[in-house]
């Protein structure tokens, strides 16, 4: 029996904590041409690649997503799992999503604060997997959040969280950790039996493509945009993309077509993300947490 308070070393491409750990089954959602005009407008969700690389999915699964953002990830994933439930603290953001998901009968919506106890009672069901992509850093009560997620997972269920564990001098969100052990202790208290905590980064060639065709134009736009808000928004409805969504929707088709081409280009050399070595220096690293009940 492995020590449940351990954080395991990862390999070059994937975490390899031991032969008795669940294998990652690749299952990328099938691309449909209609996604270009039917899917919710999004700003190239590169974080979805983390999900596809490090979380096993199957058609029999009930999946929980926390902080669904624009809903693009859930829109595509809904056709590869049995049922999806989306949880967000913003009632306005969820109402907007419900309008866009009217044709998807296997998607549910719940407004809840992950920092408040009682998520299992509010949902009234359990899940095979739960995930949040760059959401955990915005949760004010990380211990309660993990306890909520542990309570709604079925035995053997998997949790995947990715988030930028930023330095205090570069604030992004409200939650950060200086030591892996602090995260591990919270996972153990939340009822998880085993876990991995490891940093990831973009593969070198993918990073160059991403910087040139996405980050540089976005940064230029941010600098030119006047009267922008100070600091990073803590909820999706406060973002510029959400507030401007009605104006931006007219550009959805060309934008989505470009994102498809950009994503395929970034994947030409292999996986978009690679796992780095586990060290004690976790501040300033993009972290992934995988944990099992």
Protein backbone atom coordinates (compact mmCIF):
# COMPACT_ATOMS: atom_id res chain seq x y z
CA UNK A 1 0.00 0.00 0.00
CA UNK A 2 1.46 3.33 -1.04
CA UNK A 3 1.73 6.18 1.44
CA UNK A 4 -1.31 8.31 0.72
CA UNK A 5 0.55 11.44 1.77
CA UNK A 6 3.19 11.01 -0.92
CA UNK A 7 3.57 13.13 -4.04
CA UNK A 8 4.93 11.04 -6.87
CA UNK A 9 7.60 11.77 -9.46
CA UNK A 10 6.36 12.16 -13.00
CA UNK A 11 7.86 11.14 -16.30
CA UNK A 12 8.69 13.21 -19.35
CA UNK A 13 5.26 13.04 -20.96
CA UNK A 14 2.98 11.50 -18.37
CA UNK A 15 2.97 10.93 -14.65
CA UNK A 16 4.11 7.37 -13.98
CA UNK A 17 3.52 6.87 -10.27
CA UNK A 18 3.29 3.09 -10.42
CA UNK A 19 1.78 0.15 -12.26
CA UNK A 20 -1.21 -0.01 -9.92
CA UNK A 21 -2.37 3.48 -10.80
CA UNK A 22 -5.22 4.03 -13.29
CA UNK A 23 -4.02 4.42 -16.86
CA UNK A 24 -5.06 7.46 -18.86
CA UNK A 25 -7.31 6.49 -21.73
CA UNK A 26 -7.11 9.03 -24.51
CA UNK A 27 -10.50 10.19 -25.75
CA UNK A 28 -10.60 13.52 -27.50
CA UNK A 29 -14.12 14.69 -28.41
CA UNK A 30 -14.85 14.14 -32.07
CA UNK A 31 -14.69 17.29 -34.16
CA UNK A 32 -17.86 18.22 -36.00
CA UNK A 33 -17.91 20.92 -38.64
CA UNK A 34 -21.00 22.42 -37.00
CA UNK A 35 -18.89 23.16 -33.89
CA UNK A 36 -17.55 26.17 -35.74
CA UNK A 37 -20.93 27.93 -35.63
CA UNK A 38 -22.85 26.03 -32.93
CA UNK A 39 -20.30 25.84 -30.08
CA UNK A 40 -20.20 28.73 -27.59
CA UNK A 41 -17.77 31.47 -28.47
CA UNK A 42 -14.37 30.91 -26.89
CA UNK A 43 -10.85 32.27 -26.81
CA UNK A 44 -8.92 29.17 -27.92
CA UNK A 45 -9.25 26.90 -24.87
CA UNK A 46 -5.71 25.55 -24.81
CA UNK A 47 -6.42 24.29 -21.27
CA UNK A 48 -8.69 21.62 -22.76
CA UNK A 49 -5.56 19.82 -23.93
CA UNK A 50 -4.69 19.22 -20.27
CA UNK A 51 -8.05 17.56 -19.82
CA UNK A 52 -7.65 15.30 -22.85
CA UNK A 53 -4.12 14.28 -21.90
CA UNK A 54 -4.55 13.61 -18.19
CA UNK A 55 -8.16 12.57 -17.52
CA UNK A 56 -9.66 9.26 -18.62
CA UNK A 57 -13.14 9.55 -20.08
CA UNK A 58 -15.67 7.03 -21.37
CA UNK A 59 -19.28 7.10 -22.64
CA UNK A 60 -20.58 5.56 -19.39
CA UNK A 61 -19.33 8.38 -17.16
CA UNK A 62 -21.17 11.10 -15.27
CA UNK A 63 -18.87 14.12 -15.17
CA UNK A 64 -18.86 17.31 -13.10
CA UNK A 65 -17.20 20.50 -14.34
CA UNK A 66 -16.59 23.39 -11.97
CA UNK A 67 -16.26 26.84 -13.47
CA UNK A 68 -17.39 26.04 -17.05
CA UNK A 69 -16.57 29.51 -18.39
CA UNK A 70 -17.96 29.99 -21.90
CA UNK A 71 -19.18 26.39 -21.96
CA UNK A 72 -17.11 25.35 -24.97
CA UNK A 73 -15.45 22.45 -23.13
CA UNK A 74 -18.77 21.08 -21.87
CA UNK A 75 -20.41 21.55 -25.28
CA UNK A 76 -17.95 19.17 -26.91
CA UNK A 77 -17.54 16.79 -23.99
CA UNK A 78 -21.29 16.27 -23.58
CA UNK A 79 -21.36 14.01 -26.63
CA UNK A 80 -18.67 11.68 -25.30
CA UNK A 81 -19.99 11.07 -21.75
CA UNK A 82 -23.34 9.97 -20.33
CA UNK A 83 -24.14 13.17 -18.45
CA UNK A 84 -22.46 16.43 -17.54
CA UNK A 85 -23.22 18.75 -14.65
CA UNK A 86 -21.87 22.30 -14.67
CA UNK A 87 -21.36 24.17 -11.39
CA UNK A 88 -20.61 27.87 -11.22
CA UNK A 89 -20.85 30.55 -8.53
CA UNK A 90 -22.35 32.99 -11.04
CA UNK A 91 -26.08 32.67 -11.65
CA UNK A 92 -25.81 35.05 -14.60
CA UNK A 93 -23.12 32.96 -16.31
CA UNK A 94 -25.16 29.78 -15.83
CA UNK A 95 -28.31 31.41 -17.19
CA UNK A 96 -26.35 32.39 -20.27
CA UNK A 97 -25.10 28.82 -20.67
CA UNK A 98 -28.57 27.32 -20.30
CA UNK A 99 -29.75 29.32 -23.29
CA UNK A 100 -26.88 27.98 -25.39
CA UNK A 101 -27.33 24.36 -24.27
CA UNK A 102 -31.03 23.98 -24.96
CA UNK A 103 -30.41 21.28 -27.57
CA UNK A 104 -28.22 19.16 -25.25
CA UNK A 105 -30.45 17.06 -22.96
CA UNK A 106 -27.60 15.48 -20.96
CA UNK A 107 -26.26 18.70 -19.41
CA UNK A 108 -27.40 19.99 -15.99
CA UNK A 109 -26.64 23.29 -14.25
CA UNK A 110 -26.18 24.13 -10.56
CA UNK A 111 -25.31 27.47 -9.01
CA UNK A 112 -23.08 26.91 -5.99
CA UNK A 113 -20.05 28.33 -4.21
CA UNK A 114 -17.35 25.66 -3.87
CA UNK A 115 -16.06 27.47 -0.78
CA UNK A 116 -19.32 26.73 1.06
CA UNK A 117 -20.05 23.22 2.38
CA UNK A 118 -22.99 21.14 1.20
CA UNK A 119 -22.34 20.66 -2.52
CA UNK A 120 -23.27 16.96 -2.34
CA UNK A 121 -26.64 17.84 -0.85
CA UNK A 122 -27.30 20.47 -3.50
CA UNK A 123 -26.39 18.18 -6.39
CA UNK A 124 -28.09 15.09 -5.00
CA UNK A 125 -25.97 12.74 -7.11
CA UNK A 126 -22.43 11.41 -7.44
CA UNK A 127 -19.95 11.43 -10.30
CA UNK A 128 -17.28 9.30 -11.94
CA UNK A 129 -15.03 12.29 -12.58
CA UNK A 130 -14.80 15.97 -11.74
CA UNK A 131 -12.53 18.64 -13.16
CA UNK A 132 -11.79 22.33 -13.09
CA UNK A 133 -9.46 24.11 -15.52
CA UNK A 134 -7.81 27.21 -14.07
CA UNK A 135 -10.58 27.60 -11.49
CA UNK A 136 -9.03 26.41 -8.23
CA UNK A 137 -6.93 29.56 -7.83
CA UNK A 138 -10.15 31.62 -7.62
CA UNK A 139 -11.66 29.54 -4.79
CA UNK A 140 -11.39 31.33 -1.46
CA UNK A 141 -11.76 28.14 0.60
CA UNK A 142 -9.57 25.45 -1.02
CA UNK A 143 -10.06 22.98 1.85
CA UNK A 144 -13.86 23.18 1.66
CA UNK A 145 -13.70 23.04 -2.14
CA UNK A 146 -11.75 19.75 -2.08
CA UNK A 147 -14.05 18.33 0.58
CA UNK A 148 -17.05 19.18 -1.60
CA UNK A 149 -15.48 17.53 -4.63
CA UNK A 150 -14.42 14.47 -2.65
CA UNK A 151 -17.96 14.09 -1.32
CA UNK A 152 -19.56 13.99 -4.79
CA UNK A 153 -17.13 11.51 -6.35
CA UNK A 154 -17.96 7.81 -6.44
CA UNK A 155 -15.43 5.28 -5.10
CA UNK A 156 -12.58 5.18 -7.59
CA UNK A 157 -13.69 8.49 -9.11
CA UNK A 158 -11.04 10.89 -10.36
CA UNK A 159 -10.56 14.60 -9.78
CA UNK A 160 -8.44 16.71 -12.12
CA UNK A 161 -7.52 20.31 -11.34
CA UNK A 162 -5.17 22.53 -13.29
CA UNK A 163 -4.26 26.01 -12.13
CA UNK A 164 -1.46 28.60 -12.24
CA UNK A 165 0.11 28.59 -8.80
CA UNK A 166 1.30 32.17 -9.12
CA UNK A 167 3.78 34.05 -6.95
CA UNK A 168 2.28 36.48 -4.40
CA UNK A 169 3.95 39.37 -6.26
CA UNK A 170 2.06 38.38 -9.44
CA UNK A 171 -1.43 37.82 -8.08
CA UNK A 172 -3.89 35.81 -10.13
CA UNK A 173 -6.71 34.48 -8.04
CA UNK A 174 -6.74 34.18 -4.28
CA UNK A 175 -5.37 30.69 -3.62
CA UNK A 176 -1.76 29.57 -3.94
CA UNK A 177 0.50 27.01 -2.28
CA UNK A 178 4.16 27.17 -1.35
CA UNK A 179 4.54 23.43 -0.68
CA UNK A 180 3.17 20.30 -2.33
CA UNK A 181 2.61 18.90 1.14
CA UNK A 182 0.00 21.57 1.85
CA UNK A 183 -2.07 20.41 -1.13
CA UNK A 184 -1.55 16.76 -0.19
CA UNK A 185 -2.82 17.35 3.34
CA UNK A 186 -6.01 18.93 2.01
CA UNK A 187 -6.54 16.01 -0.39
CA UNK A 188 -6.13 13.50 2.43
CA UNK A 189 -8.57 15.41 4.64
CA UNK A 190 -11.07 15.45 1.75
CA UNK A 191 -11.06 11.64 1.60
CA UNK A 192 -8.83 11.03 -1.42
CA UNK A 193 -6.75 7.87 -1.19
CA UNK A 194 -4.02 8.68 -3.74
CA UNK A 195 -2.93 11.56 -5.89
CA UNK A 196 -0.34 13.17 -8.13
CA UNK A 197 0.79 16.80 -8.06
CA UNK A 198 3.02 17.87 -10.92
CA UNK A 199 3.88 20.92 -13.05
CA UNK A 200 3.24 21.07 -16.78
CA UNK A 201 4.42 23.27 -19.60
CA UNK A 202 3.79 23.66 -23.29
CA UNK A 203 5.98 21.56 -25.53
CA UNK A 204 8.64 23.84 -27.00
CA UNK A 205 7.37 23.95 -30.59
CA UNK A 206 3.76 24.27 -29.42
CA UNK A 207 4.74 27.16 -27.14
CA UNK A 208 6.33 29.05 -30.02
CA UNK A 209 3.22 28.65 -32.16
CA UNK A 210 0.94 29.60 -29.28
CA UNK A 211 2.94 32.72 -28.39
CA UNK A 212 3.13 33.93 -32.00
CA UNK A 213 -0.46 33.29 -33.07
CA UNK A 214 -2.39 33.72 -29.83
CA UNK A 215 -0.59 35.34 -26.92
CA UNK A 216 1.11 38.15 -28.85
CA UNK A 217 -2.08 39.31 -30.64
CA UNK A 218 -4.10 39.04 -27.40
CA UNK A 219 -1.52 41.02 -25.45
CA UNK A 220 -1.42 43.68 -28.15
CA UNK A 221 -5.19 43.97 -28.02
CA UNK A 222 -5.13 44.32 -24.23
CA UNK A 223 -2.61 47.14 -24.45
CA UNK A 224 -4.63 48.99 -27.06
CA UNK A 225 -7.92 48.54 -25.25
CA UNK A 226 -8.75 51.59 -23.19
CA UNK A 227 -10.42 51.79 -19.80
CA UNK A 228 -9.76 48.15 -19.01
CA UNK A 229 -10.41 46.94 -15.46
CA UNK A 230 -7.57 46.73 -12.98
CA UNK A 231 -6.52 43.23 -11.90
CA UNK A 232 -7.75 39.84 -13.01
CA UNK A 233 -11.46 39.03 -12.67
CA UNK A 234 -12.32 36.35 -10.14
CA UNK A 235 -15.51 35.15 -11.85
CA UNK A 236 -16.20 34.54 -15.53
CA UNK A 237 -19.03 37.07 -15.81
CA UNK A 238 -16.54 39.82 -14.87
CA UNK A 239 -14.23 39.04 -17.80
CA UNK A 240 -14.05 41.21 -20.87
CA UNK A 241 -14.96 38.24 -23.09
CA UNK A 242 -18.21 37.61 -21.21
CA UNK A 243 -19.21 41.26 -21.13
CA UNK A 244 -18.50 41.68 -24.84
CA UNK A 245 -19.96 38.31 -25.93
CA UNK A 246 -22.89 39.80 -27.84
CA UNK A 247 -20.58 41.98 -29.91
CA UNK A 248 -18.04 39.20 -30.46
CA UNK A 249 -20.53 36.54 -31.57
CA UNK A 250 -20.63 38.00 -35.08
CA UNK A 251 -16.98 36.94 -35.44
CA UNK A 252 -17.51 33.45 -34.04
CA UNK A 253 -17.26 31.47 -37.28
CA UNK A 254 -13.90 32.89 -38.48
CA UNK A 255 -12.52 32.82 -34.94
CA UNK A 256 -13.48 29.20 -34.37
CA UNK A 257 -12.13 28.18 -37.77
CA UNK A 258 -8.82 29.82 -36.89
CA UNK A 259 -8.75 28.14 -33.45
CA UNK A 260 -9.28 24.73 -35.10
CA UNK A 261 -6.35 25.33 -37.44
CA UNK A 262 -4.18 26.65 -34.62
CA UNK A 263 -4.93 23.68 -32.37
CA UNK A 264 -4.16 21.16 -35.08
CA UNK A 265 -0.90 22.94 -35.86
CA UNK A 266 0.16 22.87 -32.21
CA UNK A 267 -0.54 19.11 -32.02
CA UNK A 268 1.53 18.23 -35.10
CA UNK A 269 4.64 17.44 -33.07
CA UNK A 270 2.83 15.41 -30.40
CA UNK A 271 1.13 16.30 -27.14
CA UNK A 272 0.68 20.00 -26.51
CA UNK A 273 1.62 19.77 -22.82
CA UNK A 274 4.42 17.86 -21.16
CA UNK A 275 4.77 17.06 -17.47
CA UNK A 276 7.82 18.40 -15.70
CA UNK A 277 9.79 16.94 -12.80
CA UNK A 278 8.30 17.23 -9.33
CA UNK A 279 10.36 19.60 -7.21
CA UNK A 280 9.81 21.63 -4.05
CA UNK A 281 9.54 24.80 -6.13
CA UNK A 282 5.86 24.94 -7.07
CA UNK A 283 5.20 28.69 -6.90
CA UNK A 284 5.04 30.18 -10.36
CA UNK A 285 4.30 26.80 -11.97
CA UNK A 286 1.24 25.63 -13.87
CA UNK A 287 0.16 22.71 -11.68
CA UNK A 288 -1.99 19.67 -12.29
CA UNK A 289 -3.59 17.70 -9.47
CA UNK A 290 -5.00 14.25 -10.17
CA UNK A 291 -6.63 12.52 -7.21
CA UNK A 292 -8.69 9.36 -6.74
CA UNK A 293 -11.26 8.45 -4.10
